[in-house]
Every structure is written in C-alpha cells, then in structure tokens.
Amino acid sequence: YNTTRIFKEENNSIWVGKVKSLSLKGYAIEILPKLRIHQENVMEELVVLPDCLENIFGILKMENKSIWVGKVRKVSLTGHANRIEDKLDFTLMAPDTQEENGGD
C-alpha cells in the first residue's frame, strides 16, 4: 500500500473501529490523527515511539485534545512522543478501574 496516499487523507477519515493495541513507530506516527477509532473503544496499550522530532512535527501543530484515542489501559510515549500527550484525547484506565483524564 502506498503510504503517500495515507498521509494525504483527511484527519479522522480512516475508520479503524475498535482497536485492542496500537503501536506506531517512526514516520508511521504521522497517521495517528487520520485514524478514526470507535467512541466506545477500550485499548489495552498505546505505544508511540518516534525516531526523531520530525516524526511528530505535524502533530505538535495541532490543537490540544484533537486526536481521539478513547479509553486506554497503558500509554507509552517514548522520547519526543511525550510532547504530544496534550494533543491526545484519551482516558487512562487506572489499575483500580477508576478513570483518569489523560492529555491534560
């Protein structure tokens, strides 16, 4: 599949439905805003691992909480990825099953 085509898609235009685990590395991180995840999704793990700052540059320009992720049990934002936490709209599922708003 031609990745150039994916990067040209509008944000929230690629329906992926319910996602159990999502791991994005390197330039693949750029597709995160384009994914449309089911509103009732509970993700076990979200991993974002950029190789360099360029991998998240486009996301850094976005508004806070503009990338819907949903409920997540474990979030791993490695390296520069911690700089995009505010751009993500997710609810962290705490070990005691209480919900904590993430990306604040």
N, C-alpha and C. Protein backbone atom coordinates (compact mmCIF):
# COMPACT_ATOMS: atom_id res chain seq x y z
N TYR A 1 0.85 -1.19 0.00
CA TYR A 1 0.00 0.00 0.00
C TYR A 1 0.88 1.23 0.00
N ASN A 2 0.51 2.21 -0.80
CA ASN A 2 1.30 3.42 -0.94
C ASN A 2 1.06 4.34 0.26
N THR A 3 2.08 4.51 1.10
CA THR A 3 1.92 5.33 2.31
C THR A 3 1.71 6.80 1.99
N THR A 4 2.19 7.27 0.85
CA THR A 4 1.99 8.67 0.48
C THR A 4 0.50 8.98 0.41
N ARG A 5 -0.29 8.05 -0.08
CA ARG A 5 -1.74 8.23 -0.16
C ARG A 5 -2.36 8.37 1.22
N ILE A 6 -1.90 7.59 2.17
CA ILE A 6 -2.43 7.65 3.53
C ILE A 6 -2.15 9.01 4.15
N PHE A 7 -0.96 9.53 3.96
CA PHE A 7 -0.59 10.82 4.56
C PHE A 7 -1.40 11.98 3.98
N LYS A 8 -1.97 11.80 2.80
CA LYS A 8 -2.79 12.85 2.18
C LYS A 8 -4.25 12.80 2.64
N GLU A 9 -4.64 11.75 3.33
CA GLU A 9 -6.02 11.61 3.82
C GLU A 9 -6.33 12.68 4.85
N GLU A 10 -7.62 13.03 4.95
CA GLU A 10 -8.07 14.00 5.95
C GLU A 10 -7.97 13.37 7.34
N ASN A 11 -7.85 14.21 8.37
CA ASN A 11 -7.86 13.71 9.74
C ASN A 11 -9.20 13.05 10.04
N ASN A 12 -9.16 12.01 10.85
CA ASN A 12 -10.34 11.22 11.24
C ASN A 12 -11.06 10.57 10.07
N SER A 13 -10.37 10.31 8.98
CA SER A 13 -11.03 9.77 7.79
C SER A 13 -10.79 8.27 7.59
N ILE A 14 -9.86 7.68 8.32
CA ILE A 14 -9.58 6.26 8.16
C ILE A 14 -10.21 5.50 9.33
N TRP A 15 -11.36 4.86 9.05
CA TRP A 15 -12.11 4.15 10.09
C TRP A 15 -11.38 2.86 10.44
N VAL A 16 -10.98 2.73 11.70
CA VAL A 16 -10.34 1.50 12.16
C VAL A 16 -11.20 0.78 13.20
N GLY A 17 -12.28 1.42 13.64
CA GLY A 17 -13.19 0.78 14.58
C GLY A 17 -12.57 0.60 15.96
N LYS A 18 -12.79 -0.58 16.53
CA LYS A 18 -12.24 -0.86 17.86
C LYS A 18 -10.83 -1.42 17.71
N VAL A 19 -9.92 -0.89 18.52
CA VAL A 19 -8.50 -1.25 18.43
C VAL A 19 -8.04 -1.77 19.79
N LYS A 20 -7.49 -2.97 19.83
CA LYS A 20 -7.03 -3.55 21.09
C LYS A 20 -5.67 -2.98 21.50
N SER A 21 -4.77 -2.84 20.53
CA SER A 21 -3.43 -2.34 20.80
C SER A 21 -2.95 -1.57 19.58
N LEU A 22 -2.30 -0.44 19.81
CA LEU A 22 -1.79 0.38 18.71
C LEU A 22 -0.36 0.78 19.02
N SER A 23 0.55 0.40 18.13
CA SER A 23 1.96 0.73 18.28
C SER A 23 2.43 1.41 17.00
N LEU A 24 2.82 2.68 17.14
CA LEU A 24 3.28 3.46 16.00
C LEU A 24 4.72 3.89 16.24
N LYS A 25 5.55 3.65 15.23
CA LYS A 25 6.98 3.97 15.36
C LYS A 25 7.43 4.77 14.15
N GLY A 26 8.40 5.66 14.37
CA GLY A 26 8.98 6.42 13.28
C GLY A 26 7.96 7.25 12.53
N TYR A 27 8.09 7.29 11.21
CA TYR A 27 7.21 8.13 10.41
C TYR A 27 5.76 7.66 10.42
N ALA A 28 5.49 6.42 10.84
CA ALA A 28 4.12 5.91 10.92
C ALA A 28 3.27 6.69 11.92
N ILE A 29 3.90 7.39 12.85
CA ILE A 29 3.18 8.18 13.85
C ILE A 29 2.32 9.24 13.18
N GLU A 30 2.73 9.69 12.00
CA GLU A 30 2.01 10.73 11.28
C GLU A 30 0.58 10.32 10.91
N ILE A 31 0.26 9.02 10.91
CA ILE A 31 -1.10 8.60 10.57
C ILE A 31 -2.05 8.69 11.76
N LEU A 32 -1.53 8.85 12.96
CA LEU A 32 -2.38 8.86 14.16
C LEU A 32 -3.57 9.82 14.05
N PRO A 33 -3.39 11.06 13.62
CA PRO A 33 -4.55 11.97 13.52
C PRO A 33 -5.56 11.53 12.46
N LYS A 34 -5.15 10.70 11.52
CA LYS A 34 -6.02 10.30 10.43
C LYS A 34 -6.93 9.13 10.81
N LEU A 35 -6.57 8.44 11.88
CA LEU A 35 -7.34 7.28 12.32
C LEU A 35 -8.62 7.71 13.03
N ARG A 36 -9.70 7.00 12.74
CA ARG A 36 -10.97 7.24 13.43
C ARG A 36 -11.28 5.99 14.25
N ILE A 37 -11.16 6.12 15.55
CA ILE A 37 -11.32 5.00 16.47
C ILE A 37 -12.73 5.04 17.06
N HIS A 38 -13.33 3.88 17.26
CA HIS A 38 -14.68 3.76 17.80
C HIS A 38 -14.81 4.50 19.13
N GLN A 39 -15.91 5.22 19.32
CA GLN A 39 -16.11 6.04 20.53
C GLN A 39 -16.11 5.20 21.81
N GLU A 40 -16.52 3.95 21.74
CA GLU A 40 -16.59 3.10 22.94
C GLU A 40 -15.37 2.20 23.08
N ASN A 41 -14.33 2.50 22.35
CA ASN A 41 -13.13 1.67 22.36
C ASN A 41 -12.42 1.69 23.71
N VAL A 42 -11.93 0.53 24.13
CA VAL A 42 -11.04 0.42 25.29
C VAL A 42 -9.77 -0.27 24.78
N MET A 43 -8.70 0.50 24.67
CA MET A 43 -7.44 0.00 24.14
C MET A 43 -6.58 -0.52 25.29
N GLU A 44 -5.99 -1.67 25.09
CA GLU A 44 -5.09 -2.23 26.10
C GLU A 44 -3.81 -1.40 26.20
N GLU A 45 -3.26 -1.02 25.03
CA GLU A 45 -1.99 -0.30 25.05
C GLU A 45 -1.84 0.59 23.83
N LEU A 46 -1.32 1.79 24.06
CA LEU A 46 -0.94 2.73 23.00
C LEU A 46 0.55 3.00 23.16
N VAL A 47 1.32 2.71 22.11
CA VAL A 47 2.76 2.94 22.12
C VAL A 47 3.10 3.90 20.98
N VAL A 48 3.78 4.98 21.30
CA VAL A 48 4.23 5.94 20.30
C VAL A 48 5.74 6.12 20.49
N LEU A 49 6.50 5.75 19.47
CA LEU A 49 7.96 5.74 19.56
C LEU A 49 8.57 6.43 18.34
N PRO A 50 8.77 7.75 18.42
CA PRO A 50 9.37 8.46 17.29
C PRO A 50 10.88 8.22 17.21
N ASP A 51 11.38 8.19 15.98
CA ASP A 51 12.82 8.10 15.76
C ASP A 51 13.48 9.47 15.94
N CYS A 52 12.71 10.52 15.62
CA CYS A 52 13.23 11.88 15.70
C CYS A 52 12.05 12.85 15.84
N LEU A 53 12.35 14.09 16.13
CA LEU A 53 11.33 15.12 16.32
C LEU A 53 10.47 15.29 15.07
N GLU A 54 11.03 15.10 13.89
CA GLU A 54 10.28 15.24 12.64
C GLU A 54 9.07 14.31 12.59
N ASN A 55 9.14 13.16 13.27
CA ASN A 55 8.05 12.19 13.25
C ASN A 55 6.78 12.72 13.91
N ILE A 56 6.91 13.72 14.79
CA ILE A 56 5.74 14.26 15.50
C ILE A 56 5.49 15.73 15.19
N PHE A 57 6.27 16.29 14.27
CA PHE A 57 6.20 17.73 14.00
C PHE A 57 4.80 18.18 13.61
N GLY A 58 4.13 17.45 12.74
CA GLY A 58 2.77 17.81 12.32
C GLY A 58 1.78 17.76 13.46
N ILE A 59 1.91 16.78 14.33
CA ILE A 59 1.01 16.64 15.47
C ILE A 59 1.21 17.78 16.46
N LEU A 60 2.44 18.24 16.62
CA LEU A 60 2.72 19.34 17.54
C LEU A 60 1.98 20.62 17.15
N LYS A 61 1.66 20.78 15.88
CA LYS A 61 0.94 21.96 15.40
C LYS A 61 -0.56 21.89 15.65
N MET A 62 -1.06 20.72 16.03
CA MET A 62 -2.49 20.51 16.21
C MET A 62 -2.97 21.06 17.55
N GLU A 63 -4.29 21.24 17.65
CA GLU A 63 -4.88 21.72 18.90
C GLU A 63 -4.83 20.62 19.96
N ASN A 64 -4.81 21.04 21.23
CA ASN A 64 -4.84 20.08 22.33
C ASN A 64 -6.13 19.26 22.26
N LYS A 65 -6.01 17.99 22.62
CA LYS A 65 -7.13 17.04 22.65
C LYS A 65 -7.83 16.91 21.30
N SER A 66 -7.10 17.08 20.21
CA SER A 66 -7.71 16.99 18.89
C SER A 66 -7.61 15.59 18.27
N ILE A 67 -6.87 14.69 18.92
CA ILE A 67 -6.72 13.32 18.40
C ILE A 67 -7.42 12.36 19.36
N TRP A 68 -8.59 11.86 18.96
CA TRP A 68 -9.37 10.96 19.80
C TRP A 68 -8.72 9.58 19.85
N VAL A 69 -8.47 9.10 21.05
CA VAL A 69 -7.91 7.76 21.25
C VAL A 69 -8.88 6.89 22.04
N GLY A 70 -9.62 7.48 22.98
CA GLY A 70 -10.58 6.73 23.78
C GLY A 70 -10.00 6.30 25.11
N LYS A 71 -10.51 5.21 25.64
CA LYS A 71 -10.03 4.68 26.91
C LYS A 71 -8.82 3.79 26.65
N VAL A 72 -7.78 3.98 27.47
CA VAL A 72 -6.54 3.23 27.29
C VAL A 72 -6.06 2.73 28.65
N ARG A 73 -5.65 1.47 28.70
CA ARG A 73 -5.14 0.91 29.96
C ARG A 73 -3.66 1.26 30.19
N LYS A 74 -2.88 1.34 29.11
CA LYS A 74 -1.46 1.66 29.25
C LYS A 74 -1.03 2.55 28.08
N VAL A 75 -0.38 3.66 28.41
CA VAL A 75 0.12 4.59 27.39
C VAL A 75 1.63 4.69 27.54
N SER A 76 2.33 4.47 26.44
CA SER A 76 3.79 4.58 26.44
C SER A 76 4.19 5.59 25.37
N LEU A 77 4.54 6.79 25.82
CA LEU A 77 5.00 7.85 24.93
C LEU A 77 6.50 8.00 25.16
N THR A 78 7.29 7.44 24.27
CA THR A 78 8.73 7.36 24.44
C THR A 78 9.46 8.50 23.74
N GLY A 79 10.49 9.02 24.38
CA GLY A 79 11.32 10.07 23.78
C GLY A 79 10.52 11.34 23.52
N HIS A 80 10.62 11.85 22.30
CA HIS A 80 9.91 13.07 21.92
C HIS A 80 8.39 12.90 21.99
N ALA A 81 7.89 11.68 22.01
CA ALA A 81 6.45 11.43 21.99
C ALA A 81 5.73 12.05 23.18
N ASN A 82 6.43 12.23 24.31
CA ASN A 82 5.76 12.83 25.47
C ASN A 82 5.32 14.26 25.17
N ARG A 83 5.88 14.87 24.13
CA ARG A 83 5.50 16.24 23.76
C ARG A 83 4.12 16.30 23.09
N ILE A 84 3.58 15.16 22.66
CA ILE A 84 2.27 15.17 22.01
C ILE A 84 1.14 14.72 22.94
N GLU A 85 1.45 14.45 24.20
CA GLU A 85 0.43 13.97 25.12
C GLU A 85 -0.78 14.90 25.18
N ASP A 86 -0.57 16.20 25.19
CA ASP A 86 -1.67 17.15 25.26
C ASP A 86 -2.54 17.14 24.00
N LYS A 87 -2.01 16.66 22.90
CA LYS A 87 -2.76 16.61 21.64
C LYS A 87 -3.71 15.42 21.61
N LEU A 88 -3.46 14.44 22.47
CA LEU A 88 -4.26 13.21 22.51
C LEU A 88 -5.44 13.37 23.46
N ASP A 89 -6.59 12.87 23.03
CA ASP A 89 -7.79 12.89 23.86
C ASP A 89 -8.05 11.45 24.28
N PHE A 90 -7.63 11.12 25.49
CA PHE A 90 -7.82 9.76 25.98
C PHE A 90 -8.15 9.77 27.47
N THR A 91 -8.72 8.67 27.92
CA THR A 91 -8.98 8.46 29.33
C THR A 91 -8.14 7.27 29.76
N LEU A 92 -7.24 7.49 30.69
CA LEU A 92 -6.38 6.43 31.19
C LEU A 92 -7.17 5.58 32.17
N MET A 93 -7.23 4.29 31.90
CA MET A 93 -7.92 3.36 32.79
C MET A 93 -6.93 2.95 33.88
N ALA A 94 -7.14 3.47 35.08
CA ALA A 94 -6.25 3.19 36.21
C ALA A 94 -6.39 1.73 36.64
N PRO A 95 -5.36 1.18 37.30
CA PRO A 95 -5.39 -0.22 37.74
C PRO A 95 -6.60 -0.56 38.61
N ASP A 96 -7.08 0.42 39.39
CA ASP A 96 -8.24 0.14 40.25
C ASP A 96 -9.55 0.41 39.50
N THR A 97 -9.49 0.45 38.17
CA THR A 97 -10.60 0.64 37.24
C THR A 97 -11.24 2.02 37.28
N GLN A 98 -10.69 2.95 38.05
CA GLN A 98 -11.18 4.32 38.00
C GLN A 98 -10.61 4.97 36.75
N GLU A 99 -11.33 5.95 36.23
CA GLU A 99 -10.88 6.63 35.03
C GLU A 99 -10.19 7.93 35.39
N GLU A 100 -9.10 8.21 34.69
CA GLU A 100 -8.39 9.47 34.85
C GLU A 100 -8.27 10.10 33.47
N ASN A 101 -8.59 11.38 33.33
CA ASN A 101 -8.46 12.03 32.04
C ASN A 101 -7.00 12.20 31.71
N GLY A 102 -6.61 11.82 30.49
CA GLY A 102 -5.23 11.95 30.05
C GLY A 102 -5.07 13.11 29.10
N GLY A 103 -3.85 13.47 28.87
CA GLY A 103 -3.55 14.55 27.96
C GLY A 103 -3.81 15.91 28.54
N ASP A 104 -3.95 16.03 29.86
CA ASP A 104 -4.17 17.34 30.50
C ASP A 104 -2.85 18.00 30.80
